[in-house]
Amino acid sequence: MSRNRTLLLLLCAGALTGCATDYLNNYETMTLAAGDTQKYNSLLQTVDPLNPASRNTVIEGDGARAAAVAQSYKFPPPPPPPPAITVNVGNTGD
């Protein structure tokens, strides 16, 4: 009877270790020693409302150049004509 009991205990322990490995595969970091990578990434993508450059309302650029570029996108220039096809038949130079 003790042999069956030991076998049953080993089977139950084996089944529980399978569940434990599935649980350990569901963590949010790459490794258990990843550190504060997730917090760093979230802080990196947070918009800073007190950015001093956000007060600059002067947009540097040339309006005439921007209008010319917009017109070239609306009305593109026609494509260049295809090159002339030259066919050389026989020897006419001799």
PDB file of N, CA and C in Angstrom:
ATOM      1  N   MET A   1       0.810  -1.193   0.000  1.00  0.00           N
ATOM      2  CA  MET A   1       0.000   0.000   0.000  1.00  0.00           C
ATOM      3  C   MET A   1       0.856   1.261   0.000  1.00  0.00           C
ATOM      4  N   SER A   2       1.991   1.205   0.669  1.00  0.00           N
ATOM      5  CA  SER A   2       2.826   2.405   0.726  1.00  0.00           C
ATOM      6  C   SER A   2       3.455   2.704  -0.639  1.00  0.00           C
ATOM      7  N   ARG A   3       3.667   1.652  -1.438  1.00  0.00           N
ATOM      8  CA  ARG A   3       4.232   1.882  -2.764  1.00  0.00           C
ATOM      9  C   ARG A   3       3.216   2.612  -3.649  1.00  0.00           C
ATOM     10  N   ASN A   4       1.963   2.249  -3.602  1.00  0.00           N
ATOM     11  CA  ASN A   4       0.917   2.941  -4.366  1.00  0.00           C
ATOM     12  C   ASN A   4       0.759   4.375  -3.880  1.00  0.00           C
ATOM     13  N   ARG A   5       0.873   4.552  -2.591  1.00  0.00           N
ATOM     14  CA  ARG A   5       0.739   5.890  -2.011  1.00  0.00           C
ATOM     15  C   ARG A   5       1.896   6.781  -2.486  1.00  0.00           C
ATOM     16  N   THR A   6       3.108   6.245  -2.531  1.00  0.00           N
ATOM     17  CA  THR A   6       4.266   7.005  -2.991  1.00  0.00           C
ATOM     18  C   THR A   6       4.123   7.352  -4.465  1.00  0.00           C
ATOM     19  N   LEU A   7       3.650   6.413  -5.241  1.00  0.00           N
ATOM     20  CA  LEU A   7       3.454   6.651  -6.662  1.00  0.00           C
ATOM     21  C   LEU A   7       2.401   7.731  -6.888  1.00  0.00           C
ATOM     22  N   LEU A   8       1.320   7.681  -6.128  1.00  0.00           N
ATOM     23  CA  LEU A   8       0.274   8.701  -6.230  1.00  0.00           C
ATOM     24  C   LEU A   8       0.814  10.067  -5.829  1.00  0.00           C
ATOM     25  N   LEU A   9       1.622  10.117  -4.806  1.00  0.00           N
ATOM     26  CA  LEU A   9       2.213  11.376  -4.343  1.00  0.00           C
ATOM     27  C   LEU A   9       3.147  11.942  -5.408  1.00  0.00           C
ATOM     28  N   LEU A  10       3.931  11.110  -6.054  1.00  0.00           N
ATOM     29  CA  LEU A  10       4.826  11.568  -7.116  1.00  0.00           C
ATOM     30  C   LEU A  10       4.052  12.071  -8.329  1.00  0.00           C
ATOM     31  N   LEU A  11       2.967  11.413  -8.675  1.00  0.00           N
ATOM     32  CA  LEU A  11       2.149  11.870  -9.805  1.00  0.00           C
ATOM     33  C   LEU A  11       1.501  13.220  -9.520  1.00  0.00           C
ATOM     34  N   CYS A  12       1.022  13.402  -8.297  1.00  0.00           N
ATOM     35  CA  CYS A  12       0.418  14.692  -7.924  1.00  0.00           C
ATOM     36  C   CYS A  12       1.462  15.800  -7.919  1.00  0.00           C
ATOM     37  N   ALA A  13       2.646  15.500  -7.405  1.00  0.00           N
ATOM     38  CA  ALA A  13       3.712  16.505  -7.383  1.00  0.00           C
ATOM     39  C   ALA A  13       4.135  16.867  -8.808  1.00  0.00           C
ATOM     40  N   GLY A  14       4.193  15.878  -9.687  1.00  0.00           N
ATOM     41  CA  GLY A  14       4.539  16.147 -11.083  1.00  0.00           C
ATOM     42  C   GLY A  14       3.499  17.007 -11.774  1.00  0.00           C
ATOM     43  N   ALA A  15       2.234  16.770 -11.478  1.00  0.00           N
ATOM     44  CA  ALA A  15       1.166  17.579 -12.075  1.00  0.00           C
ATOM     45  C   ALA A  15       1.233  19.020 -11.572  1.00  0.00           C
ATOM     46  N   LEU A  16       1.544  19.205 -10.304  1.00  0.00           N
ATOM     47  CA  LEU A  16       1.630  20.558  -9.746  1.00  0.00           C
ATOM     48  C   LEU A  16       2.840  21.314 -10.281  1.00  0.00           C
ATOM     49  N   THR A  17       3.933  20.646 -10.534  1.00  0.00           N
ATOM     50  CA  THR A  17       5.095  21.359 -11.087  1.00  0.00           C
ATOM     51  C   THR A  17       4.818  21.825 -12.504  1.00  0.00           C
ATOM     52  N   GLY A  18       3.999  21.106 -13.246  1.00  0.00           N
ATOM     53  CA  GLY A  18       3.614  21.570 -14.578  1.00  0.00           C
ATOM     54  C   GLY A  18       2.829  22.858 -14.514  1.00  0.00           C
ATOM     55  N   CYS A  19       1.969  23.009 -13.520  1.00  0.00           N
ATOM     56  CA  CYS A  19       1.201  24.237 -13.340  1.00  0.00           C
ATOM     57  C   CYS A  19       2.109  25.379 -12.927  1.00  0.00           C
ATOM     58  N   ALA A  20       3.112  25.099 -12.113  1.00  0.00           N
ATOM     59  CA  ALA A  20       4.006  26.149 -11.636  1.00  0.00           C
ATOM     60  C   ALA A  20       4.827  26.720 -12.792  1.00  0.00           C
ATOM     61  N   THR A  21       5.247  25.887 -13.715  1.00  0.00           N
ATOM     62  CA  THR A  21       6.037  26.420 -14.825  1.00  0.00           C
ATOM     63  C   THR A  21       5.174  27.277 -15.739  1.00  0.00           C
ATOM     64  N   ASP A  22       3.899  26.936 -15.912  1.00  0.00           N
ATOM     65  CA  ASP A  22       3.025  27.790 -16.710  1.00  0.00           C
ATOM     66  C   ASP A  22       2.828  29.141 -16.035  1.00  0.00           C
ATOM     67  N   TYR A  23       2.749  29.135 -14.726  1.00  0.00           N
ATOM     68  CA  TYR A  23       2.572  30.397 -14.002  1.00  0.00           C
ATOM     69  C   TYR A  23       3.810  31.271 -14.157  1.00  0.00           C
ATOM     70  N   LEU A  24       4.985  30.685 -14.106  1.00  0.00           N
ATOM     71  CA  LEU A  24       6.204  31.485 -14.206  1.00  0.00           C
ATOM     72  C   LEU A  24       6.423  32.031 -15.611  1.00  0.00           C
ATOM     73  N   ASN A  25       5.806  31.456 -16.621  1.00  0.00           N
ATOM     74  CA  ASN A  25       5.966  31.961 -17.978  1.00  0.00           C
ATOM     75  C   ASN A  25       5.102  33.188 -18.245  1.00  0.00           C
ATOM     76  N   ASN A  26       4.251  33.588 -17.337  1.00  0.00           N
ATOM     77  CA  ASN A  26       3.336  34.705 -17.554  1.00  0.00           C
ATOM     78  C   ASN A  26       3.741  35.949 -16.784  1.00  0.00           C
ATOM     79  N   TYR A  27       5.007  36.290 -16.762  1.00  0.00           N
ATOM     80  CA  TYR A  27       5.414  37.543 -16.142  1.00  0.00           C
ATOM     81  C   TYR A  27       5.652  38.588 -17.215  1.00  0.00           C
ATOM     82  N   GLU A  28       5.671  39.854 -16.850  1.00  0.00           N
ATOM     83  CA  GLU A  28       5.657  40.929 -17.829  1.00  0.00           C
ATOM     84  C   GLU A  28       7.043  41.401 -18.249  1.00  0.00           C
ATOM     85  N   THR A  29       8.090  40.914 -17.645  1.00  0.00           N
ATOM     86  CA  THR A  29       9.426  41.344 -18.006  1.00  0.00           C
ATOM     87  C   THR A  29      10.100  40.270 -18.843  1.00  0.00           C
ATOM     88  N   MET A  30      11.201  40.631 -19.461  1.00  0.00           N
ATOM     89  CA  MET A  30      11.933  39.662 -20.272  1.00  0.00           C
ATOM     90  C   MET A  30      12.587  38.603 -19.381  1.00  0.00           C
ATOM     91  N   THR A  31      13.186  39.025 -18.299  1.00  0.00           N
ATOM     92  CA  THR A  31      13.778  38.108 -17.331  1.00  0.00           C
ATOM     93  C   THR A  31      13.359  38.562 -15.946  1.00  0.00           C
ATOM     94  N   LEU A  32      13.594  37.729 -14.961  1.00  0.00           N
ATOM     95  CA  LEU A  32      13.237  38.129 -13.602  1.00  0.00           C
ATOM     96  C   LEU A  32      14.144  39.231 -13.086  1.00  0.00           C
ATOM     97  N   ALA A  33      15.290  39.460 -13.708  1.00  0.00           N
ATOM     98  CA  ALA A  33      16.221  40.498 -13.286  1.00  0.00           C
ATOM     99  C   ALA A  33      16.214  41.673 -14.257  1.00  0.00           C
ATOM    100  N   ALA A  34      15.083  41.962 -14.889  1.00  0.00           N
ATOM    101  CA  ALA A  34      15.027  43.008 -15.906  1.00  0.00           C
ATOM    102  C   ALA A  34      15.087  44.406 -15.300  1.00  0.00           C
ATOM    103  N   GLY A  35      14.756  44.568 -14.049  1.00  0.00           N
ATOM    104  CA  GLY A  35      14.829  45.882 -13.424  1.00  0.00           C
ATOM    105  C   GLY A  35      13.600  46.713 -13.711  1.00  0.00           C
ATOM    106  N   ASP A  36      13.802  48.015 -13.878  1.00  0.00           N
ATOM    107  CA  ASP A  36      12.700  48.955 -14.073  1.00  0.00           C
ATOM    108  C   ASP A  36      12.535  49.338 -15.535  1.00  0.00           C
ATOM    109  N   THR A  37      12.678  48.408 -16.428  1.00  0.00           N
ATOM    110  CA  THR A  37      12.596  48.705 -17.850  1.00  0.00           C
ATOM    111  C   THR A  37      11.211  49.193 -18.245  1.00  0.00           C
ATOM    112  N   GLN A  38      10.174  48.578 -17.716  1.00  0.00           N
ATOM    113  CA  GLN A  38       8.812  48.992 -18.079  1.00  0.00           C
ATOM    114  C   GLN A  38       8.525  50.400 -17.577  1.00  0.00           C
ATOM    115  N   LYS A  39       8.962  50.702 -16.381  1.00  0.00           N
ATOM    116  CA  LYS A  39       8.735  52.046 -15.850  1.00  0.00           C
ATOM    117  C   LYS A  39       9.529  53.069 -16.659  1.00  0.00           C
ATOM    118  N   TYR A  40      10.755  52.733 -17.045  1.00  0.00           N
ATOM    119  CA  TYR A  40      11.565  53.627 -17.855  1.00  0.00           C
ATOM    120  C   TYR A  40      10.888  53.893 -19.197  1.00  0.00           C
ATOM    121  N   ASN A  41      10.374  52.843 -19.838  1.00  0.00           N
ATOM    122  CA  ASN A  41       9.721  53.018 -21.135  1.00  0.00           C
ATOM    123  C   ASN A  41       8.457  53.864 -21.013  1.00  0.00           C
ATOM    124  N   SER A  42       7.697  53.676 -19.948  1.00  0.00           N
ATOM    125  CA  SER A  42       6.488  54.488 -19.795  1.00  0.00           C
ATOM    126  C   SER A  42       6.841  55.947 -19.515  1.00  0.00           C
ATOM    127  N   LEU A  43       7.904  56.196 -18.758  1.00  0.00           N
ATOM    128  CA  LEU A  43       8.318  57.578 -18.521  1.00  0.00           C
ATOM    129  C   LEU A  43       8.918  58.206 -19.769  1.00  0.00           C
ATOM    130  N   LEU A  44       9.551  57.387 -20.591  1.00  0.00           N
ATOM    131  CA  LEU A  44      10.147  57.890 -21.814  1.00  0.00           C
ATOM    132  C   LEU A  44       9.074  58.378 -22.778  1.00  0.00           C
ATOM    133  N   GLN A  45       7.901  57.748 -22.783  1.00  0.00           N
ATOM    134  CA  GLN A  45       6.841  58.097 -23.716  1.00  0.00           C
ATOM    135  C   GLN A  45       5.829  59.074 -23.130  1.00  0.00           C
ATOM    136  N   THR A  46       6.053  59.542 -21.910  1.00  0.00           N
ATOM    137  CA  THR A  46       5.150  60.495 -21.287  1.00  0.00           C
ATOM    138  C   THR A  46       5.440  61.890 -21.821  1.00  0.00           C
ATOM    139  N   VAL A  47       4.405  62.600 -22.203  1.00  0.00           N
ATOM    140  CA  VAL A  47       4.563  63.955 -22.720  1.00  0.00           C
ATOM    141  C   VAL A  47       4.806  64.897 -21.553  1.00  0.00           C
ATOM    142  N   ASP A  48       5.833  65.728 -21.689  1.00  0.00           N
ATOM    143  CA  ASP A  48       6.162  66.692 -20.643  1.00  0.00           C
ATOM    144  C   ASP A  48       5.382  67.975 -20.902  1.00  0.00           C
ATOM    145  N   PRO A  49       4.413  68.334 -20.045  1.00  0.00           N
ATOM    146  CA  PRO A  49       3.617  69.533 -20.307  1.00  0.00           C
ATOM    147  C   PRO A  49       4.410  70.822 -20.091  1.00  0.00           C
ATOM    148  N   LEU A  50       5.539  70.754 -19.427  1.00  0.00           N
ATOM    149  CA  LEU A  50       6.319  71.955 -19.152  1.00  0.00           C
ATOM    150  C   LEU A  50       7.551  72.043 -20.038  1.00  0.00           C
ATOM    151  N   ASN A  51       7.463  71.515 -21.246  1.00  0.00           N
ATOM    152  CA  ASN A  51       8.577  71.584 -22.172  1.00  0.00           C
ATOM    153  C   ASN A  51       8.762  73.031 -22.612  1.00  0.00           C
ATOM    154  N   PRO A  52       9.939  73.648 -22.420  1.00  0.00           N
ATOM    155  CA  PRO A  52      10.117  75.058 -22.790  1.00  0.00           C
ATOM    156  C   PRO A  52      10.006  75.294 -24.295  1.00  0.00           C
ATOM    157  N   ALA A  53      10.303  74.307 -25.100  1.00  0.00           N
ATOM    158  CA  ALA A  53      10.220  74.496 -26.548  1.00  0.00           C
ATOM    159  C   ALA A  53       8.775  74.584 -27.021  1.00  0.00           C
ATOM    160  N   SER A  54       7.813  74.177 -26.199  1.00  0.00           N
ATOM    161  CA  SER A  54       6.418  74.237 -26.624  1.00  0.00           C
ATOM    162  C   SER A  54       5.877  75.660 -26.654  1.00  0.00           C
ATOM    163  N   ARG A  55       6.562  76.588 -26.023  1.00  0.00           N
ATOM    164  CA  ARG A  55       6.107  77.989 -26.032  1.00  0.00           C
ATOM    165  C   ARG A  55       6.521  78.715 -27.303  1.00  0.00           C
ATOM    166  N   ASN A  56       7.401  78.130 -28.107  1.00  0.00           N
ATOM    167  CA  ASN A  56       7.867  78.767 -29.331  1.00  0.00           C
ATOM    168  C   ASN A  56       6.777  78.642 -30.387  1.00  0.00           C
ATOM    169  N   THR A  57       6.156  79.774 -30.743  1.00  0.00           N
ATOM    170  CA  THR A  57       5.086  79.759 -31.743  1.00  0.00           C
ATOM    171  C   THR A  57       5.564  80.221 -33.111  1.00  0.00           C
ATOM    172  N   VAL A  58       6.843  80.527 -33.233  1.00  0.00           N
ATOM    173  CA  VAL A  58       7.386  80.983 -34.509  1.00  0.00           C
ATOM    174  C   VAL A  58       7.800  79.744 -35.306  1.00  0.00           C
ATOM    175  N   ILE A  59       7.151  79.535 -36.431  1.00  0.00           N
ATOM    176  CA  ILE A  59       7.468  78.402 -37.287  1.00  0.00           C
ATOM    177  C   ILE A  59       8.415  78.902 -38.364  1.00  0.00           C
ATOM    178  N   GLU A  60       9.626  78.369 -38.340  1.00  0.00           N
ATOM    179  CA  GLU A  60      10.624  78.810 -39.304  1.00  0.00           C
ATOM    180  C   GLU A  60      10.388  78.096 -40.625  1.00  0.00           C
ATOM    181  N   GLY A  61      10.359  78.863 -41.691  1.00  0.00           N
ATOM    182  CA  GLY A  61      10.154  78.270 -43.003  1.00  0.00           C
ATOM    183  C   GLY A  61       9.823  79.335 -44.021  1.00  0.00           C
ATOM    184  N   ASP A  62       9.920  78.994 -45.271  1.00  0.00           N
ATOM    185  CA  ASP A  62       9.651  79.917 -46.358  1.00  0.00           C
ATOM    186  C   ASP A  62       8.282  79.578 -46.943  1.00  0.00           C
ATOM    187  N   GLY A  63       7.342  80.490 -46.871  1.00  0.00           N
ATOM    188  CA  GLY A  63       5.984  80.242 -47.341  1.00  0.00           C
ATOM    189  C   GLY A  63       5.902  80.056 -48.840  1.00  0.00           C
ATOM    190  N   ALA A  64       6.677  80.840 -49.580  1.00  0.00           N
ATOM    191  CA  ALA A  64       6.643  80.729 -51.045  1.00  0.00           C
ATOM    192  C   ALA A  64       7.179  79.371 -51.481  1.00  0.00           C
ATOM    193  N   ARG A  65       8.232  78.909 -50.835  1.00  0.00           N
ATOM    194  CA  ARG A  65       8.803  77.596 -51.178  1.00  0.00           C
ATOM    195  C   ARG A  65       7.817  76.483 -50.835  1.00  0.00           C
ATOM    196  N   ALA A  66       7.162  76.589 -49.675  1.00  0.00           N
ATOM    197  CA  ALA A  66       6.186  75.573 -49.280  1.00  0.00           C
ATOM    198  C   ALA A  66       5.007  75.544 -50.247  1.00  0.00           C
ATOM    199  N   ALA A  67       4.559  76.741 -50.725  1.00  0.00           N
ATOM    200  CA  ALA A  67       3.460  76.793 -51.682  1.00  0.00           C
ATOM    201  C   ALA A  67       3.874  76.174 -53.018  1.00  0.00           C
ATOM    202  N   ALA A  68       5.117  76.392 -53.435  1.00  0.00           N
ATOM    203  CA  ALA A  68       5.594  75.806 -54.692  1.00  0.00           C
ATOM    204  C   ALA A  68       5.655  74.282 -54.593  1.00  0.00           C
ATOM    205  N   VAL A  69       6.071  73.773 -53.453  1.00  0.00           N
ATOM    206  CA  VAL A  69       6.124  72.324 -53.265  1.00  0.00           C
ATOM    207  C   VAL A  69       4.720  71.742 -53.281  1.00  0.00           C
ATOM    208  N   ALA A  70       3.764  72.419 -52.627  1.00  0.00           N
ATOM    209  CA  ALA A  70       2.388  71.943 -52.614  1.00  0.00           C
ATOM    210  C   ALA A  70       1.802  71.943 -54.027  1.00  0.00           C
ATOM    211  N   GLN A  71       2.112  72.971 -54.820  1.00  0.00           N
ATOM    212  CA  GLN A  71       1.616  73.025 -56.196  1.00  0.00           C
ATOM    213  C   GLN A  71       2.241  71.916 -57.047  1.00  0.00           C
ATOM    214  N   SER A  72       3.524  71.600 -56.788  1.00  0.00           N
ATOM    215  CA  SER A  72       4.151  70.540 -57.581  1.00  0.00           C
ATOM    216  C   SER A  72       3.564  69.174 -57.238  1.00  0.00           C
ATOM    217  N   TYR A  73       3.054  69.022 -56.011  1.00  0.00           N
ATOM    218  CA  TYR A  73       2.377  67.770 -55.673  1.00  0.00           C
ATOM    219  C   TYR A  73       0.976  67.713 -56.281  1.00  0.00           C
ATOM    220  N   LYS A  74       0.295  68.857 -56.326  1.00  0.00           N
ATOM    221  CA  LYS A  74      -1.049  68.876 -56.912  1.00  0.00           C
ATOM    222  C   LYS A  74      -0.997  68.679 -58.420  1.00  0.00           C
ATOM    223  N   PHE A  75      -0.101  69.404 -59.056  1.00  0.00           N
ATOM    224  CA  PHE A  75       0.019  69.366 -60.515  1.00  0.00           C
ATOM    225  C   PHE A  75       1.449  68.986 -60.871  1.00  0.00           C
ATOM    226  N   PRO A  76       1.745  67.701 -60.926  1.00  0.00           N
ATOM    227  CA  PRO A  76       3.132  67.295 -61.227  1.00  0.00           C
ATOM    228  C   PRO A  76       3.498  67.635 -62.665  1.00  0.00           C
ATOM    229  N   PRO A  77       4.777  67.906 -62.911  1.00  0.00           N
ATOM    230  CA  PRO A  77       5.189  68.205 -64.294  1.00  0.00           C
ATOM    231  C   PRO A  77       5.058  66.955 -65.153  1.00  0.00           C
ATOM    232  N   PRO A  78       4.836  67.156 -66.461  1.00  0.00           N
ATOM    233  CA  PRO A  78       4.682  65.975 -67.330  1.00  0.00           C
ATOM    234  C   PRO A  78       5.988  65.187 -67.389  1.00  0.00           C
ATOM    235  N   PRO A  79       5.896  63.894 -67.593  1.00  0.00           N
ATOM    236  CA  PRO A  79       7.121  63.084 -67.669  1.00  0.00           C
ATOM    237  C   PRO A  79       7.902  63.426 -68.940  1.00  0.00           C
ATOM    238  N   PRO A  80       9.202  63.234 -68.914  1.00  0.00           N
ATOM    239  CA  PRO A  80       9.994  63.548 -70.118  1.00  0.00           C
ATOM    240  C   PRO A  80       9.646  62.564 -71.237  1.00  0.00           C
ATOM    241  N   PRO A  81       9.805  63.001 -72.492  1.00  0.00           N
ATOM    242  CA  PRO A  81       9.473  62.095 -73.603  1.00  0.00           C
ATOM    243  C   PRO A  81      10.459  60.918 -73.624  1.00  0.00           C
ATOM    244  N   PRO A  82      10.018  59.786 -74.143  1.00  0.00           N
ATOM    245  CA  PRO A  82      10.926  58.637 -74.207  1.00  0.00           C
ATOM    246  C   PRO A  82      12.055  58.906 -75.192  1.00  0.00           C
ATOM    247  N   PRO A  83      13.206  58.292 -74.984  1.00  0.00           N
ATOM    248  CA  PRO A  83      14.326  58.537 -75.909  1.00  0.00           C
ATOM    249  C   PRO A  83      14.011  57.973 -77.300  1.00  0.00           C
ATOM    250  N   ALA A  84      14.607  58.591 -78.299  1.00  0.00           N
ATOM    251  CA  ALA A  84      14.385  58.161 -79.684  1.00  0.00           C
ATOM    252  C   ALA A  84      14.997  56.783 -79.894  1.00  0.00           C
ATOM    253  N   ILE A  85      14.294  55.949 -80.643  1.00  0.00           N
ATOM    254  CA  ILE A  85      14.759  54.603 -80.927  1.00  0.00           C
ATOM    255  C   ILE A  85      15.513  54.627 -82.253  1.00  0.00           C
ATOM    256  N   THR A  86      16.746  54.188 -82.220  1.00  0.00           N
ATOM    257  CA  THR A  86      17.565  54.159 -83.422  1.00  0.00           C
ATOM    258  C   THR A  86      17.752  52.708 -83.836  1.00  0.00           C
ATOM    259  N   VAL A  87      17.381  52.397 -85.068  1.00  0.00           N
ATOM    260  CA  VAL A  87      17.519  51.042 -85.580  1.00  0.00           C
ATOM    261  C   VAL A  87      18.564  51.069 -86.683  1.00  0.00           C
ATOM    262  N   ASN A  88      19.591  50.260 -86.557  1.00  0.00           N
ATOM    263  CA  ASN A  88      20.638  50.189 -87.544  1.00  0.00           C
ATOM    264  C   ASN A  88      20.464  48.886 -88.322  1.00  0.00           C
ATOM    265  N   VAL A  89      20.121  49.012 -89.614  1.00  0.00           N
ATOM    266  CA  VAL A  89      19.875  47.835 -90.431  1.00  0.00           C
ATOM    267  C   VAL A  89      20.986  47.730 -91.473  1.00  0.00           C
ATOM    268  N   GLY A  90      21.752  46.670 -91.418  1.00  0.00           N
ATOM    269  CA  GLY A  90      22.804  46.439 -92.415  1.00  0.00           C
ATOM    270  C   GLY A  90      23.967  47.381 -92.235  1.00  0.00           C
ATOM    271  N   ASN A  91      24.956  47.259 -93.117  1.00  0.00           N
ATOM    272  CA  ASN A  91      26.137  48.135 -93.107  1.00  0.00           C
ATOM    273  C   ASN A  91      25.990  49.159 -94.217  1.00  0.00           C
ATOM    274  N   THR A  92      25.633  50.366 -93.873  1.00  0.00           N
ATOM    275  CA  THR A  92      25.481  51.432 -94.867  1.00  0.00           C
ATOM    276  C   THR A  92      26.717  52.311 -94.897  1.00  0.00           C
ATOM    277  N   GLY A  93      27.683  52.067 -94.021  1.00  0.00           N
ATOM    278  CA  GLY A  93      28.860  52.925 -93.920  1.00  0.00           C
ATOM    279  C   GLY A  93      29.940  52.546 -94.916  1.00  0.00           C
ATOM    280  N   ASP A  94      29.921  51.365 -95.564  1.00  0.00           N
ATOM    281  CA  ASP A  94      30.991  50.951 -96.482  1.00  0.00           C
ATOM    282  C   ASP A  94      30.702  51.301 -97.890  1.00  0.00           C
TER     283      ASP A  94
END
